C-alpha atoms as a PDB file:
ATOM      1  CA  GLN A   1     177.964  -8.444-110.464  1.00  0.00           C
ATOM      2  CA  VAL A   2     174.753  -9.739-109.298  1.00  0.00           C
ATOM      3  CA  GLN A   3     174.765 -13.652-107.823  1.00  0.00           C
ATOM      4  CA  LEU A   4     172.103 -15.398-105.842  1.00  0.00           C
ATOM      5  CA  VAL A   5     173.098 -18.579-104.870  1.00  0.00           C
ATOM      6  CA  GLU A   6     170.759 -21.450-103.465  1.00  0.00           C
ATOM      7  CA  SER A   7     171.550 -24.090-101.241  1.00  0.00           C
ATOM      8  CA  GLY A   8     170.296 -26.846 -98.972  1.00  0.00           C
ATOM      9  CA  GLY A   9     167.981 -28.739-101.847  1.00  0.00           C
ATOM     10  CA  GLY A  10     168.282 -32.477-101.872  1.00  0.00           C
ATOM     11  CA  LEU A  11     166.111 -35.694-101.080  1.00  0.00           C
ATOM     12  CA  ALA A  12     163.516 -35.573 -98.729  1.00  0.00           C
ATOM     13  CA  GLN A  13     160.816 -38.485 -97.361  1.00  0.00           C
ATOM     14  CA  PRO A  14     156.964 -37.274 -97.599  1.00  0.00           C
ATOM     15  CA  GLY A  15     156.198 -35.293 -94.657  1.00  0.00           C
ATOM     16  CA  GLY A  16     159.463 -34.734 -94.156  1.00  0.00           C
ATOM     17  CA  SER A  17     161.246 -30.776 -93.810  1.00  0.00           C
ATOM     18  CA  LEU A  18     164.169 -28.718 -95.999  1.00  0.00           C
ATOM     19  CA  ARG A  19     165.465 -25.556 -95.520  1.00  0.00           C
ATOM     20  CA  LEU A  20     166.606 -23.379 -98.700  1.00  0.00           C
ATOM     21  CA  SER A  21     168.572 -20.785 -98.269  1.00  0.00           C
ATOM     22  CA  CYS A  22     169.633 -18.145-100.916  1.00  0.00           C
ATOM     23  CA  ALA A  23     172.586 -15.711-100.427  1.00  0.00           C
ATOM     24  CA  ALA A  24     172.593 -12.707-102.693  1.00  0.00           C
ATOM     25  CA  SER A  25     175.221 -10.229-103.674  1.00  0.00           C
ATOM     26  CA  GLY A  26     175.709  -7.442-105.528  1.00  0.00           C
ATOM     27  CA  ILE A  27     172.725  -5.832-104.953  1.00  0.00           C
ATOM     28  CA  ILE A  28     171.138  -3.579-102.175  1.00  0.00           C
ATOM     29  CA  PHE A  29     169.465  -6.331-100.778  1.00  0.00           C
ATOM     30  CA  SER A  30     167.012  -4.790 -98.442  1.00  0.00           C
ATOM     31  CA  MET A  31     165.718  -2.935-101.311  1.00  0.00           C
ATOM     32  CA  TYR A  32     164.520  -5.908-103.229  1.00  0.00           C
ATOM     33  CA  THR A  33     161.238  -8.311-103.053  1.00  0.00           C
ATOM     34  CA  MET A  34     162.767 -11.717-102.778  1.00  0.00           C
ATOM     35  CA  ALA A  35     161.020 -14.918-104.029  1.00  0.00           C
ATOM     36  CA  TRP A  36     161.343 -18.506-104.225  1.00  0.00           C
ATOM     37  CA  TYR A  37     159.595 -20.029-107.541  1.00  0.00           C
ATOM     38  CA  ARG A  38     159.720 -23.660-108.642  1.00  0.00           C
ATOM     39  CA  GLN A  39     159.449 -26.065-111.763  1.00  0.00           C
ATOM     40  CA  ALA A  40     158.505 -29.392-112.291  1.00  0.00           C
ATOM     41  CA  PRO A  41     159.154 -31.277-115.292  1.00  0.00           C
ATOM     42  CA  GLY A  42     156.421 -30.593-117.529  1.00  0.00           C
ATOM     43  CA  ASN A  43     155.097 -27.598-115.509  1.00  0.00           C
ATOM     44  CA  GLU A  44     155.612 -23.885-115.681  1.00  0.00           C
ATOM     45  CA  ARG A  45     157.409 -22.054-113.150  1.00  0.00           C
ATOM     46  CA  GLU A  46     155.202 -21.085-110.431  1.00  0.00           C
ATOM     47  CA  LEU A  47     155.299 -18.496-107.516  1.00  0.00           C
ATOM     48  CA  VAL A  48     155.978 -20.553-104.148  1.00  0.00           C
ATOM     49  CA  ALA A  49     156.537 -17.427-101.861  1.00  0.00           C
ATOM     50  CA  ASP A  50     157.567 -13.953-101.730  1.00  0.00           C
ATOM     51  CA  ILE A  51     159.014 -11.688 -99.322  1.00  0.00           C
ATOM     52  CA  SER A  52     159.123  -7.537 -99.492  1.00  0.00           C
ATOM     53  CA  GLY A  53     162.232  -5.553 -98.070  1.00  0.00           C
ATOM     54  CA  GLY A  54     159.982  -4.995 -94.989  1.00  0.00           C
ATOM     55  CA  GLY A  55     159.178  -8.446 -94.285  1.00  0.00           C
ATOM     56  CA  ILE A  56     155.275  -8.968 -95.942  1.00  0.00           C
ATOM     57  CA  SER A  57     155.140 -12.505 -97.234  1.00  0.00           C
ATOM     58  CA  ASN A  58     152.723 -14.160 -99.815  1.00  0.00           C
ATOM     59  CA  TYR A  59     152.366 -17.635-100.722  1.00  0.00           C
ATOM     60  CA  GLY A  60     151.480 -19.743-103.270  1.00  0.00           C
ATOM     61  CA  ASP A  61     148.145 -21.515-102.375  1.00  0.00           C
ATOM     62  CA  SER A  62     149.631 -25.049-102.975  1.00  0.00           C
ATOM     63  CA  VAL A  63     152.329 -24.496 -99.822  1.00  0.00           C
ATOM     64  CA  SER A  64     150.484 -22.289 -97.764  1.00  0.00           C
ATOM     65  CA  GLY A  65     150.283 -23.543 -94.082  1.00  0.00           C
ATOM     66  CA  ARG A  66     153.438 -25.668 -94.909  1.00  0.00           C
ATOM     67  CA  PHE A  67     156.193 -23.305 -95.997  1.00  0.00           C
ATOM     68  CA  THR A  68     157.738 -20.291 -94.540  1.00  0.00           C
ATOM     69  CA  ILE A  69     159.661 -17.583 -96.042  1.00  0.00           C
ATOM     70  CA  SER A  70     161.973 -15.509 -94.055  1.00  0.00           C
ATOM     71  CA  ARG A  71     164.911 -13.066 -94.848  1.00  0.00           C
ATOM     72  CA  ASP A  72     168.092 -11.738 -92.689  1.00  0.00           C
ATOM     73  CA  ASN A  73     168.970  -8.488 -94.593  1.00  0.00           C
ATOM     74  CA  ALA A  74     172.166  -8.025 -92.860  1.00  0.00           C
ATOM     75  CA  LYS A  75     172.869 -11.247 -94.414  1.00  0.00           C
ATOM     76  CA  SER A  76     171.389 -10.595 -97.485  1.00  0.00           C
ATOM     77  CA  THR A  77     169.916 -14.010 -97.582  1.00  0.00           C
ATOM     78  CA  VAL A  78     166.396 -15.341 -97.694  1.00  0.00           C
ATOM     79  CA  TYR A  79     165.374 -18.545 -96.704  1.00  0.00           C
ATOM     80  CA  LEU A  80     162.411 -20.981 -97.168  1.00  0.00           C
ATOM     81  CA  GLN A  81     161.695 -23.615 -94.487  1.00  0.00           C
ATOM     82  CA  MET A  82     159.390 -26.294 -95.925  1.00  0.00           C
ATOM     83  CA  ASN A  83     157.368 -28.390 -93.679  1.00  0.00           C
ATOM     84  CA  SER A  84     155.234 -31.478 -94.168  1.00  0.00           C
ATOM     85  CA  LEU A  85     156.685 -32.221 -97.740  1.00  0.00           C
ATOM     86  CA  GLU A  86     154.629 -34.214-100.223  1.00  0.00           C
ATOM     87  CA  PRO A  87     155.617 -35.858-103.685  1.00  0.00           C
ATOM     88  CA  GLU A  88     154.233 -32.877-105.669  1.00  0.00           C
ATOM     89  CA  ASP A  89     156.581 -30.695-103.749  1.00  0.00           C
ATOM     90  CA  THR A  90     159.374 -32.102-106.017  1.00  0.00           C
ATOM     91  CA  ALA A  91     161.029 -29.093-108.401  1.00  0.00           C
ATOM     92  CA  VAL A  92     163.737 -27.243-108.883  1.00  0.00           C
ATOM     93  CA  TYR A  93     163.663 -24.243-106.498  1.00  0.00           C
ATOM     94  CA  TYR A  94     164.520 -21.006-107.920  1.00  0.00           C
ATOM     95  CA  CYS A  95     165.952 -17.819-105.872  1.00  0.00           C
ATOM     96  CA  TYR A  96     164.463 -14.609-107.481  1.00  0.00           C
ATOM     97  CA  ALA A  97     165.394 -10.738-106.775  1.00  0.00           C
ATOM     98  CA  VAL A  98     163.235  -7.941-107.853  1.00  0.00           C
ATOM     99  CA  VAL A  99     162.585  -4.181-107.414  1.00  0.00           C
ATOM    100  CA  ARG A 100     159.149  -3.683-107.195  1.00  0.00           C
ATOM    101  CA  PRO A 101     156.700  -2.218-108.392  1.00  0.00           C
ATOM    102  CA  SER A 102     158.874  -1.383-110.958  1.00  0.00           C
ATOM    103  CA  GLY A 103     160.168  -4.578-111.829  1.00  0.00           C
ATOM    104  CA  ALA A 104     163.289  -2.643-113.950  1.00  0.00           C
ATOM    105  CA  PHE A 105     165.642  -5.150-111.940  1.00  0.00           C
ATOM    106  CA  ALA A 106     165.055  -8.482-111.835  1.00  0.00           C
ATOM    107  CA  TYR A 107     167.831 -11.787-111.079  1.00  0.00           C
ATOM    108  CA  TRP A 108     167.264 -15.656-111.059  1.00  0.00           C
ATOM    109  CA  GLY A 109     169.479 -17.686-109.312  1.00  0.00           C
ATOM    110  CA  GLN A 110     170.772 -21.023-110.701  1.00  0.00           C
ATOM    111  CA  GLY A 111     167.902 -23.368-109.268  1.00  0.00           C
ATOM    112  CA  THR A 112     168.510 -26.603-106.612  1.00  0.00           C
ATOM    113  CA  GLN A 113     166.733 -29.578-106.727  1.00  0.00           C
ATOM    114  CA  VAL A 114     164.278 -30.430-104.190  1.00  0.00           C
ATOM    115  CA  THR A 115     163.041 -34.483-104.339  1.00  0.00           C
ATOM    116  CA  VAL A 116     160.490 -35.600-102.160  1.00  0.00           C
ATOM    117  CA  SER A 117     160.353 -39.258-102.490  1.00  0.00           C
ATOM    118  CA  SER A 118     160.111 -42.480 -99.817  1.00  0.00           C
END
């Protein structure tokens, strides 16, 4: 059974930082591209960042330079370090695992709420 379990969400002030974690089980972690998506109320789900099994990362325009994605294949965990948080970063953040390029195997976590507010 595949599980992606996110943690680390919560309330942060503008300009503050949070670190999200996603622990995976039931998959060969190093074979999967891992990603973080987010969805704010009334908005479509959007890509925040992704990272290949070999560590190549890609970022959405709105977070580039502020967020950093990383992974620890030995711990089957992907991280999202979020700095210089803005109210517009408020959303539910989802962990996503996918085998690329086929996309034949893809899994979502349950999501974790991030709220940026003073």
